[in-house]
Amino acid sequence: MSHQIISPLPGIFYRKPGPGKDPYINEGDTVSAGQTIGLVEIMKQFSEVRAEFDGVLEKFEVDDFGVVNPGDVIALTS
């Protein structure tokens, strides 16, 4: 069964904590409930996006630096 990771806010989605850093997680990696998978930035405020369930990150539905709105699916886990 797949679980959706949803954007809590509008803004820009980032897969990395900063320029030149490794992504928080990659497709195919194991993810734990509460683990940060990326950030959403709005007006220079950064909010962590976290997985709600243990599983495997199947795929990102939003590209790095992609625009998201509240309720948009950012990633799928199984």
PDB file of N, CA and C in Angstrom:
ATOM      1  N   MET A   1       0.839  -1.184   0.000  1.00  0.00           N
ATOM      2  CA  MET A   1       0.000   0.000   0.000  1.00  0.00           C
ATOM      3  C   MET A   1       0.882   1.244   0.000  1.00  0.00           C
ATOM      4  N   SER A   2       0.592   2.180  -0.878  1.00  0.00           N
ATOM      5  CA  SER A   2       1.367   3.413  -0.962  1.00  0.00           C
ATOM      6  C   SER A   2       0.807   4.471  -0.010  1.00  0.00           C
ATOM      7  N   HIS A   3       1.713   5.296   0.493  1.00  0.00           N
ATOM      8  CA  HIS A   3       1.350   6.439   1.314  1.00  0.00           C
ATOM      9  C   HIS A   3       1.861   7.684   0.622  1.00  0.00           C
ATOM     10  N   GLN A   4       1.079   8.741   0.681  1.00  0.00           N
ATOM     11  CA  GLN A   4       1.469  10.005   0.077  1.00  0.00           C
ATOM     12  C   GLN A   4       2.110  10.897   1.126  1.00  0.00           C
ATOM     13  N   ILE A   5       3.158  11.602   0.724  1.00  0.00           N
ATOM     14  CA  ILE A   5       3.731  12.658   1.545  1.00  0.00           C
ATOM     15  C   ILE A   5       3.270  13.961   0.917  1.00  0.00           C
ATOM     16  N   ILE A   6       2.543  14.744   1.694  1.00  0.00           N
ATOM     17  CA  ILE A   6       1.827  15.914   1.202  1.00  0.00           C
ATOM     18  C   ILE A   6       2.534  17.207   1.623  1.00  0.00           C
ATOM     19  N   SER A   7       2.496  18.201   0.741  1.00  0.00           N
ATOM     20  CA  SER A   7       3.050  19.511   1.087  1.00  0.00           C
ATOM     21  C   SER A   7       2.128  20.220   2.075  1.00  0.00           C
ATOM     22  N   PRO A   8       2.690  20.701   3.193  1.00  0.00           N
ATOM     23  CA  PRO A   8       1.869  21.429   4.158  1.00  0.00           C
ATOM     24  C   PRO A   8       1.661  22.896   3.782  1.00  0.00           C
ATOM     25  N   LEU A   9       2.512  23.407   2.894  1.00  0.00           N
ATOM     26  CA  LEU A   9       2.537  24.836   2.582  1.00  0.00           C
ATOM     27  C   LEU A   9       2.745  25.071   1.094  1.00  0.00           C
ATOM     28  N   PRO A  10       2.437  26.278   0.619  1.00  0.00           N
ATOM     29  CA  PRO A  10       2.851  26.647  -0.736  1.00  0.00           C
ATOM     30  C   PRO A  10       4.312  27.071  -0.705  1.00  0.00           C
ATOM     31  N   GLY A  11       5.002  26.886  -1.799  1.00  0.00           N
ATOM     32  CA  GLY A  11       6.389  27.344  -1.863  1.00  0.00           C
ATOM     33  C   GLY A  11       7.209  26.543  -2.846  1.00  0.00           C
ATOM     34  N   ILE A  12       8.520  26.527  -2.606  1.00  0.00           N
ATOM     35  CA  ILE A  12       9.478  25.810  -3.443  1.00  0.00           C
ATOM     36  C   ILE A  12       9.976  24.605  -2.654  1.00  0.00           C
ATOM     37  N   PHE A  13       9.961  23.416  -3.295  1.00  0.00           N
ATOM     38  CA  PHE A  13      10.412  22.191  -2.646  1.00  0.00           C
ATOM     39  C   PHE A  13      11.888  21.965  -2.943  1.00  0.00           C
ATOM     40  N   TYR A  14      12.647  21.672  -1.892  1.00  0.00           N
ATOM     41  CA  TYR A  14      14.071  21.378  -2.007  1.00  0.00           C
ATOM     42  C   TYR A  14      14.345  19.987  -1.458  1.00  0.00           C
ATOM     43  N   ARG A  15      15.095  19.193  -2.207  1.00  0.00           N
ATOM     44  CA  ARG A  15      15.459  17.842  -1.759  1.00  0.00           C
ATOM     45  C   ARG A  15      16.729  17.841  -0.919  1.00  0.00           C
ATOM     46  N   LYS A  16      17.465  18.955  -0.894  1.00  0.00           N
ATOM     47  CA  LYS A  16      18.740  19.039  -0.176  1.00  0.00           C
ATOM     48  C   LYS A  16      18.663  20.114   0.907  1.00  0.00           C
ATOM     49  N   PRO A  17      19.452  19.949   1.980  1.00  0.00           N
ATOM     50  CA  PRO A  17      19.461  20.964   3.040  1.00  0.00           C
ATOM     51  C   PRO A  17      20.171  22.251   2.632  1.00  0.00           C
ATOM     52  N   GLY A  18      20.934  22.218   1.556  1.00  0.00           N
ATOM     53  CA  GLY A  18      21.618  23.413   1.077  1.00  0.00           C
ATOM     54  C   GLY A  18      22.419  23.113  -0.170  1.00  0.00           C
ATOM     55  N   PRO A  19      22.903  24.167  -0.843  1.00  0.00           N
ATOM     56  CA  PRO A  19      23.709  23.982  -2.058  1.00  0.00           C
ATOM     57  C   PRO A  19      24.943  23.137  -1.762  1.00  0.00           C
ATOM     58  N   GLY A  20      25.224  22.191  -2.640  1.00  0.00           N
ATOM     59  CA  GLY A  20      26.395  21.342  -2.494  1.00  0.00           C
ATOM     60  C   GLY A  20      26.239  20.217  -1.476  1.00  0.00           C
ATOM     61  N   LYS A  21      25.074  20.122  -0.853  1.00  0.00           N
ATOM     62  CA  LYS A  21      24.817  19.057   0.133  1.00  0.00           C
ATOM     63  C   LYS A  21      24.142  17.876  -0.550  1.00  0.00           C
ATOM     64  N   ASP A  22      24.223  16.705   0.084  1.00  0.00           N
ATOM     65  CA  ASP A  22      23.537  15.519  -0.418  1.00  0.00           C
ATOM     66  C   ASP A  22      22.036  15.630  -0.156  1.00  0.00           C
ATOM     67  N   PRO A  23      21.206  15.000  -0.999  1.00  0.00           N
ATOM     68  CA  PRO A  23      19.763  14.987  -0.749  1.00  0.00           C
ATOM     69  C   PRO A  23      19.452  14.326   0.596  1.00  0.00           C
ATOM     70  N   TYR A  24      18.353  14.749   1.199  1.00  0.00           N
ATOM     71  CA  TYR A  24      17.904  14.111   2.434  1.00  0.00           C
ATOM     72  C   TYR A  24      17.694  12.612   2.222  1.00  0.00           C
ATOM     73  N   ILE A  25      17.117  12.259   1.077  1.00  0.00           N
ATOM     74  CA  ILE A  25      16.780  10.870   0.770  1.00  0.00           C
ATOM     75  C   ILE A  25      16.649  10.723  -0.741  1.00  0.00           C
ATOM     76  N   ASN A  26      16.897   9.530  -1.233  1.00  0.00           N
ATOM     77  CA  ASN A  26      16.764   9.254  -2.659  1.00  0.00           C
ATOM     78  C   ASN A  26      15.687   8.196  -2.888  1.00  0.00           C
ATOM     79  N   GLU A  27      15.159   8.161  -4.098  1.00  0.00           N
ATOM     80  CA  GLU A  27      14.185   7.138  -4.450  1.00  0.00           C
ATOM     81  C   GLU A  27      14.808   5.763  -4.220  1.00  0.00           C
ATOM     82  N   GLY A  28      14.047   4.856  -3.610  1.00  0.00           N
ATOM     83  CA  GLY A  28      14.526   3.517  -3.313  1.00  0.00           C
ATOM     84  C   GLY A  28      15.115   3.369  -1.918  1.00  0.00           C
ATOM     85  N   ASP A  29      15.356   4.494  -1.231  1.00  0.00           N
ATOM     86  CA  ASP A  29      15.900   4.450   0.124  1.00  0.00           C
ATOM     87  C   ASP A  29      14.800   4.124   1.135  1.00  0.00           C
ATOM     88  N   THR A  30      15.200   3.502   2.246  1.00  0.00           N
ATOM     89  CA  THR A  30      14.283   3.252   3.356  1.00  0.00           C
ATOM     90  C   THR A  30      14.050   4.563   4.096  1.00  0.00           C
ATOM     91  N   VAL A  31      12.802   4.795   4.466  1.00  0.00           N
ATOM     92  CA  VAL A  31      12.435   6.014   5.192  1.00  0.00           C
ATOM     93  C   VAL A  31      11.722   5.632   6.486  1.00  0.00           C
ATOM     94  N   SER A  32      11.971   6.391   7.528  1.00  0.00           N
ATOM     95  CA  SER A  32      11.326   6.158   8.824  1.00  0.00           C
ATOM     96  C   SER A  32      10.310   7.251   9.095  1.00  0.00           C
ATOM     97  N   ALA A  33       9.258   6.904   9.826  1.00  0.00           N
ATOM     98  CA  ALA A  33       8.262   7.905  10.224  1.00  0.00           C
ATOM     99  C   ALA A  33       8.977   9.040  10.948  1.00  0.00           C
ATOM    100  N   GLY A  34       8.669  10.271  10.550  1.00  0.00           N
ATOM    101  CA  GLY A  34       9.284  11.447  11.158  1.00  0.00           C
ATOM    102  C   GLY A  34      10.556  11.912  10.481  1.00  0.00           C
ATOM    103  N   GLN A  35      11.068  11.114   9.534  1.00  0.00           N
ATOM    104  CA  GLN A  35      12.304  11.465   8.834  1.00  0.00           C
ATOM    105  C   GLN A  35      12.044  12.592   7.840  1.00  0.00           C
ATOM    106  N   THR A  36      12.935  13.566   7.803  1.00  0.00           N
ATOM    107  CA  THR A  36      12.847  14.673   6.852  1.00  0.00           C
ATOM    108  C   THR A  36      13.208  14.177   5.459  1.00  0.00           C
ATOM    109  N   ILE A  37      12.347  14.497   4.476  1.00  0.00           N
ATOM    110  CA  ILE A  37      12.642  14.110   3.088  1.00  0.00           C
ATOM    111  C   ILE A  37      12.952  15.330   2.228  1.00  0.00           C
ATOM    112  N   GLY A  38      12.696  16.524   2.757  1.00  0.00           N
ATOM    113  CA  GLY A  38      12.951  17.745   2.006  1.00  0.00           C
ATOM    114  C   GLY A  38      12.462  18.958   2.773  1.00  0.00           C
ATOM    115  N   LEU A  39      12.541  20.105   2.099  1.00  0.00           N
ATOM    116  CA  LEU A  39      12.117  21.374   2.687  1.00  0.00           C
ATOM    117  C   LEU A  39      11.177  22.086   1.738  1.00  0.00           C
ATOM    118  N   VAL A  40      10.250  22.861   2.292  1.00  0.00           N
ATOM    119  CA  VAL A  40       9.446  23.788   1.503  1.00  0.00           C
ATOM    120  C   VAL A  40       9.789  25.192   1.987  1.00  0.00           C
ATOM    121  N   GLU A  41      10.157  26.051   1.035  1.00  0.00           N
ATOM    122  CA  GLU A  41      10.553  27.422   1.363  1.00  0.00           C
ATOM    123  C   GLU A  41       9.492  28.396   0.864  1.00  0.00           C
ATOM    124  N   ILE A  42       9.080  29.276   1.744  1.00  0.00           N
ATOM    125  CA  ILE A  42       8.184  30.359   1.379  1.00  0.00           C
ATOM    126  C   ILE A  42       8.670  31.621   2.088  1.00  0.00           C
ATOM    127  N   MET A  43       8.999  32.626   1.308  1.00  0.00           N
ATOM    128  CA  MET A  43       9.462  33.915   1.832  1.00  0.00           C
ATOM    129  C   MET A  43      10.640  33.753   2.797  1.00  0.00           C
ATOM    130  N   LYS A  44      11.622  32.951   2.405  1.00  0.00           N
ATOM    131  CA  LYS A  44      12.850  32.712   3.165  1.00  0.00           C
ATOM    132  C   LYS A  44      12.633  31.944   4.473  1.00  0.00           C
ATOM    133  N   GLN A  45      11.442  31.376   4.663  1.00  0.00           N
ATOM    134  CA  GLN A  45      11.172  30.502   5.805  1.00  0.00           C
ATOM    135  C   GLN A  45      11.157  29.064   5.290  1.00  0.00           C
ATOM    136  N   PHE A  46      11.921  28.201   5.941  1.00  0.00           N
ATOM    137  CA  PHE A  46      12.038  26.813   5.514  1.00  0.00           C
ATOM    138  C   PHE A  46      11.310  25.900   6.492  1.00  0.00           C
ATOM    139  N   SER A  47      10.438  25.039   5.966  1.00  0.00           N
ATOM    140  CA  SER A  47       9.709  24.068   6.779  1.00  0.00           C
ATOM    141  C   SER A  47      10.072  22.667   6.315  1.00  0.00           C
ATOM    142  N   GLU A  48      10.372  21.795   7.271  1.00  0.00           N
ATOM    143  CA  GLU A  48      10.714  20.419   6.930  1.00  0.00           C
ATOM    144  C   GLU A  48       9.480  19.648   6.497  1.00  0.00           C
ATOM    145  N   VAL A  49       9.659  18.808   5.487  1.00  0.00           N
ATOM    146  CA  VAL A  49       8.621  17.873   5.052  1.00  0.00           C
ATOM    147  C   VAL A  49       9.059  16.506   5.551  1.00  0.00           C
ATOM    148  N   ARG A  50       8.199  15.848   6.319  1.00  0.00           N
ATOM    149  CA  ARG A  50       8.571  14.584   6.960  1.00  0.00           C
ATOM    150  C   ARG A  50       7.648  13.453   6.523  1.00  0.00           C
ATOM    151  N   ALA A  51       8.221  12.247   6.494  1.00  0.00           N
ATOM    152  CA  ALA A  51       7.429  11.045   6.227  1.00  0.00           C
ATOM    153  C   ALA A  51       6.564  10.745   7.445  1.00  0.00           C
ATOM    154  N   GLU A  52       5.376  10.243   7.202  1.00  0.00           N
ATOM    155  CA  GLU A  52       4.477   9.893   8.301  1.00  0.00           C
ATOM    156  C   GLU A  52       4.508   8.405   8.618  1.00  0.00           C
ATOM    157  N   PHE A  53       5.065   7.591   7.711  1.00  0.00           N
ATOM    158  CA  PHE A  53       5.081   6.141   7.882  1.00  0.00           C
ATOM    159  C   PHE A  53       6.463   5.589   7.555  1.00  0.00           C
ATOM    160  N   ASP A  54       6.816   4.455   8.158  1.00  0.00           N
ATOM    161  CA  ASP A  54       8.018   3.719   7.768  1.00  0.00           C
ATOM    162  C   ASP A  54       7.778   3.081   6.405  1.00  0.00           C
ATOM    163  N   GLY A  55       8.822   2.947   5.617  1.00  0.00           N
ATOM    164  CA  GLY A  55       8.679   2.286   4.322  1.00  0.00           C
ATOM    165  C   GLY A  55       9.857   2.574   3.414  1.00  0.00           C
ATOM    166  N   VAL A  56       9.579   2.535   2.119  1.00  0.00           N
ATOM    167  CA  VAL A  56      10.578   2.822   1.089  1.00  0.00           C
ATOM    168  C   VAL A  56      10.059   3.976   0.246  1.00  0.00           C
ATOM    169  N   LEU A  57      10.918   4.952  -0.014  1.00  0.00           N
ATOM    170  CA  LEU A  57      10.527   6.066  -0.869  1.00  0.00           C
ATOM    171  C   LEU A  57      10.460   5.570  -2.305  1.00  0.00           C
ATOM    172  N   GLU A  58       9.247   5.463  -2.842  1.00  0.00           N
ATOM    173  CA  GLU A  58       9.061   4.958  -4.210  1.00  0.00           C
ATOM    174  C   GLU A  58       9.488   5.983  -5.243  1.00  0.00           C
ATOM    175  N   LYS A  59       8.933   7.203  -5.124  1.00  0.00           N
ATOM    176  CA  LYS A  59       9.264   8.233  -6.112  1.00  0.00           C
ATOM    177  C   LYS A  59       8.837   9.602  -5.631  1.00  0.00           C
ATOM    178  N   PHE A  60       9.559  10.595  -6.122  1.00  0.00           N
ATOM    179  CA  PHE A  60       9.177  11.986  -5.904  1.00  0.00           C
ATOM    180  C   PHE A  60       8.206  12.390  -7.006  1.00  0.00           C
ATOM    181  N   GLU A  61       7.151  13.068  -6.631  1.00  0.00           N
ATOM    182  CA  GLU A  61       6.172  13.581  -7.592  1.00  0.00           C
ATOM    183  C   GLU A  61       6.485  15.023  -7.978  1.00  0.00           C
ATOM    184  N   VAL A  62       7.409  15.646  -7.241  1.00  0.00           N
ATOM    185  CA  VAL A  62       7.797  17.036  -7.477  1.00  0.00           C
ATOM    186  C   VAL A  62       9.307  17.067  -7.686  1.00  0.00           C
ATOM    187  N   ASP A  63       9.746  17.813  -8.681  1.00  0.00           N
ATOM    188  CA  ASP A  63      11.179  17.971  -8.931  1.00  0.00           C
ATOM    189  C   ASP A  63      11.822  18.845  -7.865  1.00  0.00           C
ATOM    190  N   ASP A  64      13.128  18.692  -7.702  1.00  0.00           N
ATOM    191  CA  ASP A  64      13.892  19.595  -6.846  1.00  0.00           C
ATOM    192  C   ASP A  64      13.699  21.017  -7.385  1.00  0.00           C
ATOM    193  N   PHE A  65      13.450  21.977  -6.533  1.00  0.00           N
ATOM    194  CA  PHE A  65      13.152  23.371  -6.875  1.00  0.00           C
ATOM    195  C   PHE A  65      11.777  23.523  -7.520  1.00  0.00           C
ATOM    196  N   GLY A  66      10.919  22.505  -7.378  1.00  0.00           N
ATOM    197  CA  GLY A  66       9.573  22.562  -7.947  1.00  0.00           C
ATOM    198  C   GLY A  66       8.621  23.349  -7.061  1.00  0.00           C
ATOM    199  N   VAL A  67       7.640  23.970  -7.690  1.00  0.00           N
ATOM    200  CA  VAL A  67       6.622  24.734  -6.961  1.00  0.00           C
ATOM    201  C   VAL A  67       5.560  23.775  -6.436  1.00  0.00           C
ATOM    202  N   VAL A  68       5.192  23.953  -5.162  1.00  0.00           N
ATOM    203  CA  VAL A  68       4.153  23.135  -4.544  1.00  0.00           C
ATOM    204  C   VAL A  68       3.093  24.025  -3.907  1.00  0.00           C
ATOM    205  N   ASN A  69       1.914  23.478  -3.786  1.00  0.00           N
ATOM    206  CA  ASN A  69       0.801  24.123  -3.095  1.00  0.00           C
ATOM    207  C   ASN A  69       0.363  23.222  -1.954  1.00  0.00           C
ATOM    208  N   PRO A  70      -0.334  23.775  -0.961  1.00  0.00           N
ATOM    209  CA  PRO A  70      -0.806  22.929   0.139  1.00  0.00           C
ATOM    210  C   PRO A  70      -1.650  21.771  -0.404  1.00  0.00           C
ATOM    211  N   GLY A  71      -1.353  20.565   0.063  1.00  0.00           N
ATOM    212  CA  GLY A  71      -2.093  19.392  -0.374  1.00  0.00           C
ATOM    213  C   GLY A  71      -1.508  18.678  -1.566  1.00  0.00           C
ATOM    214  N   ASP A  72      -0.506  19.286  -2.239  1.00  0.00           N
ATOM    215  CA  ASP A  72       0.147  18.599  -3.360  1.00  0.00           C
ATOM    216  C   ASP A  72       0.932  17.398  -2.854  1.00  0.00           C
ATOM    217  N   VAL A  73       0.940  16.326  -3.638  1.00  0.00           N
ATOM    218  CA  VAL A  73       1.717  15.143  -3.304  1.00  0.00           C
ATOM    219  C   VAL A  73       3.169  15.401  -3.683  1.00  0.00           C
ATOM    220  N   ILE A  74       4.055  15.295  -2.686  1.00  0.00           N
ATOM    221  CA  ILE A  74       5.485  15.499  -2.930  1.00  0.00           C
ATOM    222  C   ILE A  74       6.155  14.178  -3.275  1.00  0.00           C
ATOM    223  N   ALA A  75       5.787  13.106  -2.555  1.00  0.00           N
ATOM    224  CA  ALA A  75       6.426  11.811  -2.771  1.00  0.00           C
ATOM    225  C   ALA A  75       5.481  10.687  -2.374  1.00  0.00           C
ATOM    226  N   LEU A  76       5.819   9.478  -2.841  1.00  0.00           N
ATOM    227  CA  LEU A  76       5.076   8.275  -2.492  1.00  0.00           C
ATOM    228  C   LEU A  76       5.996   7.296  -1.784  1.00  0.00           C
ATOM    229  N   THR A  77       5.482   6.671  -0.733  1.00  0.00           N
ATOM    230  CA  THR A  77       6.232   5.632  -0.034  1.00  0.00           C
ATOM    231  C   THR A  77       5.400   4.351  -0.022  1.00  0.00           C
ATOM    232  N   SER A  78       6.098   3.228   0.146  1.00  0.00           N
ATOM    233  CA  SER A  78       5.374   1.956   0.257  1.00  0.00           C
ATOM    234  C   SER A  78       5.813   1.239   1.515  1.00  0.00           C
TER     235      SER A  78
END
